[in-house]
Amino acid sequence: MIERNIGNAERIVRLSFGLIFAAWALSQPSIITAAEWFVIIVAASLMLNGIFSRCYLWFLLDVNTNESGKRCTPTNSFD
């Protein structure tokens, strides 16, 4: 399994867009067209990315927006 590579702000954005897209697709009178199914698949992937903080496309492109990788480690200044 890959490490978390999505930061908190991006998680919120992905979850929001996923919920908006899913609500739009499911509010249509009938889910028949390929475009509506495509929107549902995109919405599900955005929501899963937001929930689990992992994006396989970002992994392949070597992108990491997670802040935990930028933390400084404490050093002993009394040496």
N, C-alpha and C. Protein backbone atom coordinates (compact mmCIF):
# COMPACT_ATOMS: atom_id res chain seq x y z
N MET A 1 0.84 -1.17 0.00
CA MET A 1 0.00 0.00 0.00
C MET A 1 0.90 1.24 0.00
N ILE A 2 0.47 2.27 -0.67
CA ILE A 2 1.26 3.49 -0.75
C ILE A 2 1.05 4.35 0.50
N GLU A 3 2.00 5.22 0.75
CA GLU A 3 1.89 6.13 1.89
C GLU A 3 0.89 7.24 1.56
N ARG A 4 0.43 7.92 2.59
CA ARG A 4 -0.48 9.04 2.38
C ARG A 4 0.24 10.14 1.62
N ASN A 5 -0.39 10.62 0.56
CA ASN A 5 0.24 11.66 -0.25
C ASN A 5 -0.70 12.83 -0.54
N ILE A 6 -1.78 12.95 0.23
CA ILE A 6 -2.73 14.05 0.05
C ILE A 6 -2.86 14.79 1.38
N GLY A 7 -2.69 16.10 1.34
CA GLY A 7 -2.81 16.93 2.54
C GLY A 7 -4.26 17.16 2.93
N ASN A 8 -4.45 17.75 4.10
CA ASN A 8 -5.80 17.96 4.64
C ASN A 8 -6.65 18.88 3.77
N ALA A 9 -6.07 19.97 3.28
CA ALA A 9 -6.85 20.89 2.44
C ALA A 9 -7.31 20.20 1.16
N GLU A 10 -6.43 19.43 0.55
CA GLU A 10 -6.80 18.70 -0.67
C GLU A 10 -7.84 17.62 -0.39
N ARG A 11 -7.75 17.00 0.77
CA ARG A 11 -8.75 16.00 1.15
C ARG A 11 -10.14 16.62 1.22
N ILE A 12 -10.24 17.80 1.84
CA ILE A 12 -11.52 18.48 1.97
C ILE A 12 -12.08 18.85 0.60
N VAL A 13 -11.21 19.35 -0.27
CA VAL A 13 -11.64 19.73 -1.62
C VAL A 13 -12.12 18.50 -2.38
N ARG A 14 -11.37 17.41 -2.31
CA ARG A 14 -11.77 16.20 -3.03
C ARG A 14 -13.08 15.63 -2.51
N LEU A 15 -13.24 15.60 -1.19
CA LEU A 15 -14.49 15.12 -0.62
C LEU A 15 -15.67 15.99 -1.03
N SER A 16 -15.46 17.31 -1.02
CA SER A 16 -16.53 18.24 -1.41
C SER A 16 -16.95 18.03 -2.85
N PHE A 17 -15.97 18.00 -3.75
CA PHE A 17 -16.31 17.81 -5.16
C PHE A 17 -16.92 16.43 -5.40
N GLY A 18 -16.43 15.41 -4.71
CA GLY A 18 -17.01 14.09 -4.85
C GLY A 18 -18.47 14.05 -4.43
N LEU A 19 -18.78 14.70 -3.31
CA LEU A 19 -20.16 14.74 -2.86
C LEU A 19 -21.05 15.55 -3.81
N ILE A 20 -20.53 16.66 -4.32
CA ILE A 20 -21.30 17.49 -5.26
C ILE A 20 -21.58 16.71 -6.54
N PHE A 21 -20.55 16.06 -7.09
CA PHE A 21 -20.74 15.29 -8.33
C PHE A 21 -21.70 14.12 -8.11
N ALA A 22 -21.57 13.44 -6.99
CA ALA A 22 -22.46 12.31 -6.71
C ALA A 22 -23.90 12.78 -6.54
N ALA A 23 -24.09 13.88 -5.85
CA ALA A 23 -25.44 14.41 -5.66
C ALA A 23 -26.06 14.81 -6.99
N TRP A 24 -25.26 15.43 -7.86
CA TRP A 24 -25.78 15.82 -9.18
C TRP A 24 -26.17 14.58 -9.99
N ALA A 25 -25.28 13.59 -10.04
CA ALA A 25 -25.54 12.40 -10.85
C ALA A 25 -26.73 11.62 -10.33
N LEU A 26 -26.85 11.52 -9.02
CA LEU A 26 -27.95 10.75 -8.45
C LEU A 26 -29.27 11.51 -8.46
N SER A 27 -29.22 12.81 -8.67
CA SER A 27 -30.47 13.59 -8.73
C SER A 27 -31.08 13.61 -10.13
N GLN A 28 -30.39 13.03 -11.10
CA GLN A 28 -30.92 12.97 -12.46
C GLN A 28 -32.09 11.99 -12.49
N PRO A 29 -33.05 12.24 -13.40
CA PRO A 29 -34.25 11.37 -13.43
C PRO A 29 -33.92 9.90 -13.70
N SER A 30 -32.95 9.66 -14.55
CA SER A 30 -32.57 8.27 -14.82
C SER A 30 -31.09 8.21 -15.17
N ILE A 31 -30.42 7.22 -14.62
CA ILE A 31 -29.00 7.06 -14.90
C ILE A 31 -28.86 6.10 -16.08
N ILE A 32 -28.86 6.67 -17.26
CA ILE A 32 -28.78 5.86 -18.47
C ILE A 32 -27.53 6.18 -19.26
N THR A 33 -27.18 7.44 -19.35
CA THR A 33 -26.09 7.84 -20.23
C THR A 33 -24.73 7.48 -19.64
N ALA A 34 -23.77 7.34 -20.53
CA ALA A 34 -22.41 7.03 -20.12
C ALA A 34 -21.80 8.19 -19.34
N ALA A 35 -22.20 9.40 -19.66
CA ALA A 35 -21.66 10.57 -18.96
C ALA A 35 -22.04 10.55 -17.48
N GLU A 36 -23.25 10.17 -17.17
CA GLU A 36 -23.67 10.10 -15.78
C GLU A 36 -22.94 9.01 -15.02
N TRP A 37 -22.72 7.87 -15.65
CA TRP A 37 -21.94 6.80 -15.02
C TRP A 37 -20.50 7.25 -14.81
N PHE A 38 -19.95 7.97 -15.77
CA PHE A 38 -18.59 8.48 -15.64
C PHE A 38 -18.49 9.44 -14.45
N VAL A 39 -19.48 10.31 -14.29
CA VAL A 39 -19.48 11.25 -13.17
C VAL A 39 -19.57 10.50 -11.85
N ILE A 40 -20.35 9.45 -11.78
CA ILE A 40 -20.46 8.65 -10.56
C ILE A 40 -19.13 7.98 -10.22
N ILE A 41 -18.44 7.46 -11.22
CA ILE A 41 -17.14 6.82 -10.99
C ILE A 41 -16.11 7.85 -10.52
N VAL A 42 -16.11 9.02 -11.15
CA VAL A 42 -15.19 10.09 -10.73
C VAL A 42 -15.52 10.53 -9.31
N ALA A 43 -16.79 10.69 -9.00
CA ALA A 43 -17.20 11.11 -7.66
C ALA A 43 -16.76 10.08 -6.62
N ALA A 44 -16.94 8.81 -6.91
CA ALA A 44 -16.54 7.76 -5.97
C ALA A 44 -15.03 7.76 -5.76
N SER A 45 -14.27 7.94 -6.83
CA SER A 45 -12.82 7.95 -6.68
C SER A 45 -12.36 9.18 -5.90
N LEU A 46 -12.99 10.34 -6.13
CA LEU A 46 -12.63 11.53 -5.36
C LEU A 46 -12.94 11.35 -3.88
N MET A 47 -14.09 10.76 -3.58
CA MET A 47 -14.44 10.55 -2.18
C MET A 47 -13.50 9.55 -1.51
N LEU A 48 -13.14 8.48 -2.20
CA LEU A 48 -12.21 7.50 -1.64
C LEU A 48 -10.83 8.11 -1.43
N ASN A 49 -10.38 8.94 -2.39
CA ASN A 49 -9.11 9.64 -2.22
C ASN A 49 -9.14 10.54 -0.99
N GLY A 50 -10.25 11.24 -0.82
CA GLY A 50 -10.37 12.13 0.32
C GLY A 50 -10.43 11.40 1.65
N ILE A 51 -11.08 10.27 1.67
CA ILE A 51 -11.22 9.50 2.91
C ILE A 51 -9.89 8.87 3.32
N PHE A 52 -9.20 8.26 2.36
CA PHE A 52 -7.99 7.49 2.69
C PHE A 52 -6.69 8.26 2.51
N SER A 53 -6.74 9.51 2.02
CA SER A 53 -5.56 10.37 1.84
C SER A 53 -4.53 9.78 0.89
N ARG A 54 -4.98 9.02 -0.05
CA ARG A 54 -4.06 8.40 -1.01
C ARG A 54 -4.59 8.59 -2.42
N CYS A 55 -3.69 8.97 -3.33
CA CYS A 55 -4.05 9.12 -4.73
C CYS A 55 -3.00 8.39 -5.56
N TYR A 56 -3.43 7.40 -6.31
CA TYR A 56 -2.49 6.61 -7.09
C TYR A 56 -1.92 7.39 -8.27
N LEU A 57 -2.68 8.34 -8.80
CA LEU A 57 -2.15 9.20 -9.86
C LEU A 57 -1.02 10.07 -9.31
N TRP A 58 -1.22 10.65 -8.13
CA TRP A 58 -0.16 11.45 -7.50
C TRP A 58 1.05 10.58 -7.20
N PHE A 59 0.82 9.31 -6.83
CA PHE A 59 1.92 8.38 -6.56
C PHE A 59 2.73 8.14 -7.83
N LEU A 60 2.05 7.92 -8.94
CA LEU A 60 2.76 7.69 -10.21
C LEU A 60 3.51 8.94 -10.68
N LEU A 61 2.95 10.12 -10.41
CA LEU A 61 3.59 11.38 -10.82
C LEU A 61 4.57 11.90 -9.77
N ASP A 62 4.74 11.17 -8.66
CA ASP A 62 5.63 11.54 -7.56
C ASP A 62 5.28 12.90 -6.99
N VAL A 63 3.98 13.11 -6.73
CA VAL A 63 3.48 14.34 -6.11
C VAL A 63 3.04 14.00 -4.69
N ASN A 64 3.41 14.87 -3.75
CA ASN A 64 3.03 14.66 -2.35
C ASN A 64 2.62 16.00 -1.76
N THR A 65 1.34 16.16 -1.42
CA THR A 65 0.87 17.39 -0.80
C THR A 65 0.61 17.22 0.69
N ASN A 66 1.02 16.09 1.23
CA ASN A 66 0.84 15.82 2.66
C ASN A 66 1.91 16.58 3.43
N GLU A 67 1.49 17.33 4.46
CA GLU A 67 2.40 18.16 5.22
C GLU A 67 3.33 17.35 6.12
N SER A 68 2.98 16.11 6.42
CA SER A 68 3.79 15.33 7.36
C SER A 68 5.18 15.06 6.82
N GLY A 69 5.34 15.05 5.52
CA GLY A 69 6.67 14.83 4.94
C GLY A 69 7.57 16.05 5.08
N LYS A 70 7.03 17.20 5.47
CA LYS A 70 7.80 18.43 5.57
C LYS A 70 8.19 18.78 7.00
N ARG A 71 7.88 17.95 7.94
CA ARG A 71 8.16 18.24 9.34
C ARG A 71 9.65 18.13 9.62
N CYS A 72 10.12 18.98 10.49
CA CYS A 72 11.51 18.93 10.91
C CYS A 72 11.63 17.94 12.07
N THR A 73 12.74 17.28 12.13
CA THR A 73 12.97 16.37 13.25
C THR A 73 13.72 17.13 14.33
N PRO A 74 13.39 16.89 15.58
CA PRO A 74 14.09 17.60 16.66
C PRO A 74 15.53 17.15 16.76
N THR A 75 16.40 18.08 17.07
CA THR A 75 17.82 17.75 17.24
C THR A 75 18.23 18.07 18.65
N ASN A 76 19.25 17.43 19.10
CA ASN A 76 19.76 17.66 20.44
C ASN A 76 20.77 18.80 20.37
N SER A 77 20.45 19.94 20.96
CA SER A 77 21.33 21.10 20.87
C SER A 77 22.34 21.16 22.00
N PHE A 78 22.34 20.16 22.88
CA PHE A 78 23.26 20.16 24.01
C PHE A 78 24.52 19.32 23.75
N ASP A 79 24.77 18.94 22.51
CA ASP A 79 25.96 18.11 22.21
C ASP A 79 27.22 18.92 22.27
